[in-house]
Amino acid sequence: MSKTIDLQVEKSRSLIEGYRNNLAELQAKGVTAAQLDKMEEDLKKLRAAGEECDRLRAELSEKVNQTNALLQTVKDDFLEQKKVVKSSYDQEAWQRYGIMDKR
């Protein structure tokens, strides 16, 4: 889970615990047990969402690595095939074989 989420969960849990320990005093200021329960439920949801994001990041990272490896393979194949025409024909003929650059 991200450091930001971890820190917020830790701070919120500490606050909730402190509020629960002093709920009788804080009720006069409008704090209710239901509010604290909702905060705890939201923390659970946040933690689950953070874990899902971590899982998706890991999955995406793997897909990106696979895609980059495939891209490199395609580029290498392209360059190898391009050399066949470039080394065998004059620049004027390259376009006929699908090579557009004149370098």
N, C-alpha and C. Protein backbone atom coordinates (compact mmCIF):
# COMPACT_ATOMS: atom_id res chain seq x y z
N MET A 1 0.85 -1.17 0.00
CA MET A 1 0.00 0.00 0.00
C MET A 1 0.90 1.24 0.00
N SER A 2 0.41 2.31 -0.57
CA SER A 2 1.22 3.52 -0.67
C SER A 2 1.49 4.11 0.70
N LYS A 3 2.59 4.81 0.80
CA LYS A 3 2.99 5.43 2.06
C LYS A 3 1.93 6.44 2.51
N THR A 4 1.37 7.18 1.58
CA THR A 4 0.35 8.18 1.91
C THR A 4 -0.86 7.52 2.58
N ILE A 5 -1.31 6.43 2.00
CA ILE A 5 -2.46 5.72 2.56
C ILE A 5 -2.10 5.12 3.92
N ASP A 6 -0.93 4.50 4.00
CA ASP A 6 -0.49 3.93 5.28
C ASP A 6 -0.48 4.98 6.39
N LEU A 7 0.09 6.14 6.09
CA LEU A 7 0.18 7.20 7.09
C LEU A 7 -1.20 7.69 7.51
N GLN A 8 -2.09 7.86 6.53
CA GLN A 8 -3.44 8.34 6.86
C GLN A 8 -4.21 7.32 7.68
N VAL A 9 -4.07 6.05 7.36
CA VAL A 9 -4.74 5.00 8.12
C VAL A 9 -4.22 5.00 9.56
N GLU A 10 -2.92 5.10 9.70
CA GLU A 10 -2.32 5.12 11.04
C GLU A 10 -2.80 6.32 11.85
N LYS A 11 -2.77 7.50 11.24
CA LYS A 11 -3.22 8.71 11.95
C LYS A 11 -4.70 8.63 12.30
N SER A 12 -5.51 8.14 11.37
CA SER A 12 -6.95 8.05 11.62
C SER A 12 -7.26 7.04 12.71
N ARG A 13 -6.57 5.91 12.70
CA ARG A 13 -6.80 4.91 13.75
C ARG A 13 -6.44 5.47 15.12
N SER A 14 -5.36 6.19 15.18
CA SER A 14 -4.95 6.80 16.44
C SER A 14 -6.00 7.79 16.93
N LEU A 15 -6.50 8.61 16.02
CA LEU A 15 -7.54 9.58 16.37
C LEU A 15 -8.80 8.88 16.84
N ILE A 16 -9.22 7.88 16.11
CA ILE A 16 -10.44 7.15 16.48
C ILE A 16 -10.29 6.52 17.87
N GLU A 17 -9.14 5.91 18.12
CA GLU A 17 -8.91 5.29 19.43
C GLU A 17 -8.96 6.34 20.54
N GLY A 18 -8.30 7.47 20.31
CA GLY A 18 -8.33 8.55 21.30
C GLY A 18 -9.73 9.08 21.53
N TYR A 19 -10.48 9.24 20.45
CA TYR A 19 -11.86 9.73 20.57
C TYR A 19 -12.73 8.72 21.31
N ARG A 20 -12.56 7.43 21.00
CA ARG A 20 -13.37 6.41 21.67
C ARG A 20 -13.06 6.40 23.18
N ASN A 21 -11.80 6.60 23.53
CA ASN A 21 -11.42 6.61 24.95
C ASN A 21 -12.00 7.83 25.68
N ASN A 22 -12.35 8.86 24.94
CA ASN A 22 -12.86 10.09 25.56
C ASN A 22 -14.21 10.48 24.99
N LEU A 23 -14.96 9.49 24.55
CA LEU A 23 -16.23 9.75 23.87
C LEU A 23 -17.22 10.50 24.75
N ALA A 24 -17.27 10.17 26.01
CA ALA A 24 -18.23 10.84 26.91
C ALA A 24 -18.00 12.35 26.91
N GLU A 25 -16.76 12.75 26.93
CA GLU A 25 -16.42 14.17 26.93
C GLU A 25 -16.67 14.80 25.55
N LEU A 26 -16.36 14.07 24.50
CA LEU A 26 -16.47 14.62 23.14
C LEU A 26 -17.90 14.65 22.61
N GLN A 27 -18.79 13.88 23.21
CA GLN A 27 -20.19 13.88 22.75
C GLN A 27 -20.80 15.27 22.89
N ALA A 28 -20.38 16.02 23.90
CA ALA A 28 -20.89 17.38 24.09
C ALA A 28 -20.44 18.30 22.95
N LYS A 29 -19.41 17.89 22.24
CA LYS A 29 -18.89 18.68 21.10
C LYS A 29 -19.42 18.15 19.76
N GLY A 30 -20.35 17.19 19.82
CA GLY A 30 -20.99 16.70 18.61
C GLY A 30 -20.40 15.42 18.05
N VAL A 31 -19.42 14.84 18.69
CA VAL A 31 -18.82 13.60 18.21
C VAL A 31 -19.70 12.43 18.66
N THR A 32 -19.99 11.53 17.71
CA THR A 32 -20.82 10.37 18.04
C THR A 32 -20.07 9.08 17.74
N ALA A 33 -20.53 8.02 18.39
CA ALA A 33 -19.96 6.70 18.13
C ALA A 33 -20.22 6.29 16.69
N ALA A 34 -21.37 6.69 16.15
CA ALA A 34 -21.70 6.36 14.76
C ALA A 34 -20.70 6.99 13.79
N GLN A 35 -20.28 8.22 14.08
CA GLN A 35 -19.28 8.88 13.23
C GLN A 35 -17.96 8.11 13.26
N LEU A 36 -17.58 7.67 14.44
CA LEU A 36 -16.33 6.93 14.58
C LEU A 36 -16.43 5.57 13.88
N ASP A 37 -17.61 4.94 13.99
CA ASP A 37 -17.83 3.67 13.30
C ASP A 37 -17.71 3.86 11.79
N LYS A 38 -18.30 4.95 11.29
CA LYS A 38 -18.21 5.24 9.85
C LYS A 38 -16.77 5.49 9.45
N MET A 39 -16.03 6.22 10.26
CA MET A 39 -14.61 6.46 9.95
C MET A 39 -13.84 5.13 9.88
N GLU A 40 -14.12 4.23 10.80
CA GLU A 40 -13.45 2.93 10.79
C GLU A 40 -13.81 2.14 9.55
N GLU A 41 -15.07 2.19 9.18
CA GLU A 41 -15.51 1.49 7.96
C GLU A 41 -14.84 2.08 6.72
N ASP A 42 -14.75 3.41 6.67
CA ASP A 42 -14.08 4.06 5.55
C ASP A 42 -12.59 3.70 5.50
N LEU A 43 -11.97 3.56 6.65
CA LEU A 43 -10.57 3.14 6.69
C LEU A 43 -10.38 1.74 6.12
N LYS A 44 -11.31 0.85 6.45
CA LYS A 44 -11.26 -0.51 5.89
C LYS A 44 -11.38 -0.46 4.37
N LYS A 45 -12.30 0.37 3.89
CA LYS A 45 -12.48 0.50 2.44
C LYS A 45 -11.24 1.10 1.79
N LEU A 46 -10.66 2.11 2.43
CA LEU A 46 -9.44 2.73 1.91
C LEU A 46 -8.31 1.72 1.84
N ARG A 47 -8.14 0.95 2.89
CA ARG A 47 -7.08 -0.05 2.92
C ARG A 47 -7.28 -1.08 1.80
N ALA A 48 -8.52 -1.54 1.63
CA ALA A 48 -8.82 -2.51 0.56
C ALA A 48 -8.56 -1.90 -0.82
N ALA A 49 -8.96 -0.64 -1.00
CA ALA A 49 -8.74 0.03 -2.28
C ALA A 49 -7.25 0.20 -2.53
N GLY A 50 -6.49 0.54 -1.50
CA GLY A 50 -5.05 0.68 -1.65
C GLY A 50 -4.38 -0.63 -2.04
N GLU A 51 -4.83 -1.71 -1.42
CA GLU A 51 -4.28 -3.04 -1.75
C GLU A 51 -4.63 -3.42 -3.19
N GLU A 52 -5.84 -3.08 -3.62
CA GLU A 52 -6.23 -3.36 -5.00
C GLU A 52 -5.38 -2.56 -5.97
N CYS A 53 -5.12 -1.30 -5.64
CA CYS A 53 -4.26 -0.46 -6.49
C CYS A 53 -2.86 -1.05 -6.58
N ASP A 54 -2.34 -1.53 -5.46
CA ASP A 54 -1.01 -2.15 -5.47
C ASP A 54 -0.99 -3.38 -6.38
N ARG A 55 -2.05 -4.18 -6.28
CA ARG A 55 -2.14 -5.37 -7.13
C ARG A 55 -2.20 -4.99 -8.60
N LEU A 56 -3.01 -3.97 -8.90
CA LEU A 56 -3.14 -3.51 -10.29
C LEU A 56 -1.83 -2.90 -10.80
N ARG A 57 -1.12 -2.17 -9.93
CA ARG A 57 0.18 -1.60 -10.32
C ARG A 57 1.17 -2.71 -10.68
N ALA A 58 1.19 -3.74 -9.86
CA ALA A 58 2.10 -4.86 -10.11
C ALA A 58 1.74 -5.56 -11.42
N GLU A 59 0.45 -5.74 -11.64
CA GLU A 59 -0.02 -6.37 -12.87
C GLU A 59 0.32 -5.50 -14.08
N LEU A 60 0.09 -4.20 -13.95
CA LEU A 60 0.41 -3.28 -15.03
C LEU A 60 1.91 -3.26 -15.31
N SER A 61 2.69 -3.26 -14.27
CA SER A 61 4.15 -3.25 -14.43
C SER A 61 4.60 -4.47 -15.23
N GLU A 62 4.04 -5.61 -14.91
CA GLU A 62 4.39 -6.83 -15.65
C GLU A 62 3.96 -6.71 -17.11
N LYS A 63 2.77 -6.20 -17.36
CA LYS A 63 2.29 -6.03 -18.74
C LYS A 63 3.18 -5.04 -19.51
N VAL A 64 3.57 -3.96 -18.85
CA VAL A 64 4.45 -2.97 -19.49
C VAL A 64 5.78 -3.61 -19.84
N ASN A 65 6.33 -4.39 -18.94
CA ASN A 65 7.59 -5.08 -19.22
C ASN A 65 7.46 -6.03 -20.40
N GLN A 66 6.37 -6.77 -20.46
CA GLN A 66 6.12 -7.68 -21.58
C GLN A 66 5.98 -6.91 -22.88
N THR A 67 5.24 -5.80 -22.83
CA THR A 67 5.03 -4.98 -24.02
C THR A 67 6.35 -4.38 -24.50
N ASN A 68 7.15 -3.88 -23.58
CA ASN A 68 8.44 -3.30 -23.95
C ASN A 68 9.37 -4.35 -24.56
N ALA A 69 9.36 -5.56 -24.01
CA ALA A 69 10.18 -6.63 -24.57
C ALA A 69 9.72 -6.97 -25.99
N LEU A 70 8.41 -7.03 -26.19
CA LEU A 70 7.87 -7.32 -27.52
C LEU A 70 8.20 -6.19 -28.48
N LEU A 71 8.08 -4.95 -28.03
CA LEU A 71 8.43 -3.80 -28.86
C LEU A 71 9.89 -3.88 -29.29
N GLN A 72 10.77 -4.23 -28.38
CA GLN A 72 12.19 -4.34 -28.72
C GLN A 72 12.42 -5.44 -29.75
N THR A 73 11.71 -6.55 -29.61
CA THR A 73 11.82 -7.64 -30.58
C THR A 73 11.38 -7.17 -31.96
N VAL A 74 10.25 -6.46 -32.01
CA VAL A 74 9.73 -5.96 -33.29
C VAL A 74 10.71 -4.96 -33.90
N LYS A 75 11.23 -4.06 -33.08
CA LYS A 75 12.21 -3.08 -33.59
C LYS A 75 13.45 -3.76 -34.14
N ASP A 76 13.96 -4.75 -33.40
CA ASP A 76 15.15 -5.47 -33.85
C ASP A 76 14.89 -6.20 -35.17
N ASP A 77 13.73 -6.86 -35.26
CA ASP A 77 13.36 -7.54 -36.51
C ASP A 77 13.25 -6.55 -37.66
N PHE A 78 12.61 -5.41 -37.40
CA PHE A 78 12.44 -4.37 -38.42
C PHE A 78 13.80 -3.91 -38.95
N LEU A 79 14.70 -3.58 -38.02
CA LEU A 79 16.02 -3.09 -38.43
C LEU A 79 16.80 -4.14 -39.21
N GLU A 80 16.70 -5.38 -38.77
CA GLU A 80 17.40 -6.47 -39.47
C GLU A 80 16.87 -6.62 -40.90
N GLN A 81 15.54 -6.58 -41.05
CA GLN A 81 14.95 -6.72 -42.38
C GLN A 81 15.23 -5.50 -43.25
N LYS A 82 15.25 -4.36 -42.65
CA LYS A 82 15.52 -3.11 -43.37
C LYS A 82 16.93 -3.13 -43.95
N LYS A 83 17.86 -3.71 -43.23
CA LYS A 83 19.25 -3.79 -43.69
C LYS A 83 19.36 -4.57 -45.00
N VAL A 84 18.50 -5.58 -45.17
CA VAL A 84 18.54 -6.40 -46.39
C VAL A 84 18.37 -5.52 -47.62
N VAL A 85 17.36 -4.66 -47.58
CA VAL A 85 17.08 -3.80 -48.74
C VAL A 85 18.11 -2.69 -48.84
N LYS A 86 18.43 -2.06 -47.73
CA LYS A 86 19.35 -0.92 -47.75
C LYS A 86 20.74 -1.32 -48.24
N SER A 87 21.14 -2.52 -47.94
CA SER A 87 22.48 -2.95 -48.37
C SER A 87 22.48 -3.51 -49.79
N SER A 88 21.32 -3.78 -50.32
CA SER A 88 21.24 -4.40 -51.64
C SER A 88 20.75 -3.47 -52.76
N TYR A 89 20.09 -2.38 -52.39
CA TYR A 89 19.49 -1.51 -53.40
C TYR A 89 19.85 -0.05 -53.15
N ASP A 90 19.77 0.75 -54.20
CA ASP A 90 20.00 2.19 -54.09
C ASP A 90 18.81 2.82 -53.37
N GLN A 91 19.04 4.06 -52.87
CA GLN A 91 18.00 4.77 -52.13
C GLN A 91 16.71 4.92 -52.93
N GLU A 92 16.82 5.11 -54.20
CA GLU A 92 15.64 5.32 -55.03
C GLU A 92 14.70 4.10 -55.00
N ALA A 93 15.23 2.92 -54.77
CA ALA A 93 14.42 1.70 -54.78
C ALA A 93 13.85 1.36 -53.40
N TRP A 94 14.34 1.99 -52.38
CA TRP A 94 13.91 1.62 -51.03
C TRP A 94 12.40 1.75 -50.82
N GLN A 95 11.82 2.80 -51.37
CA GLN A 95 10.39 3.05 -51.17
C GLN A 95 9.56 1.89 -51.72
N ARG A 96 10.01 1.29 -52.78
CA ARG A 96 9.31 0.17 -53.39
C ARG A 96 9.18 -1.00 -52.40
N TYR A 97 10.10 -1.08 -51.46
CA TYR A 97 10.09 -2.16 -50.45
C TYR A 97 9.54 -1.72 -49.10
N GLY A 98 8.94 -0.54 -49.08
CA GLY A 98 8.29 -0.09 -47.87
C GLY A 98 9.20 0.66 -46.91
N ILE A 99 10.36 1.06 -47.38
CA ILE A 99 11.29 1.83 -46.54
C ILE A 99 11.18 3.29 -46.97
N MET A 100 10.66 4.10 -46.07
CA MET A 100 10.35 5.48 -46.42
C MET A 100 11.50 6.46 -46.17
N ASP A 101 12.37 6.15 -45.23
CA ASP A 101 13.41 7.13 -44.93
C ASP A 101 14.54 7.08 -45.96
N LYS A 102 15.21 8.18 -46.08
CA LYS A 102 16.29 8.31 -47.07
C LYS A 102 17.65 8.41 -46.39
N ARG A 103 17.75 8.04 -45.15
CA ARG A 103 19.02 8.15 -44.44
C ARG A 103 19.98 7.08 -44.86
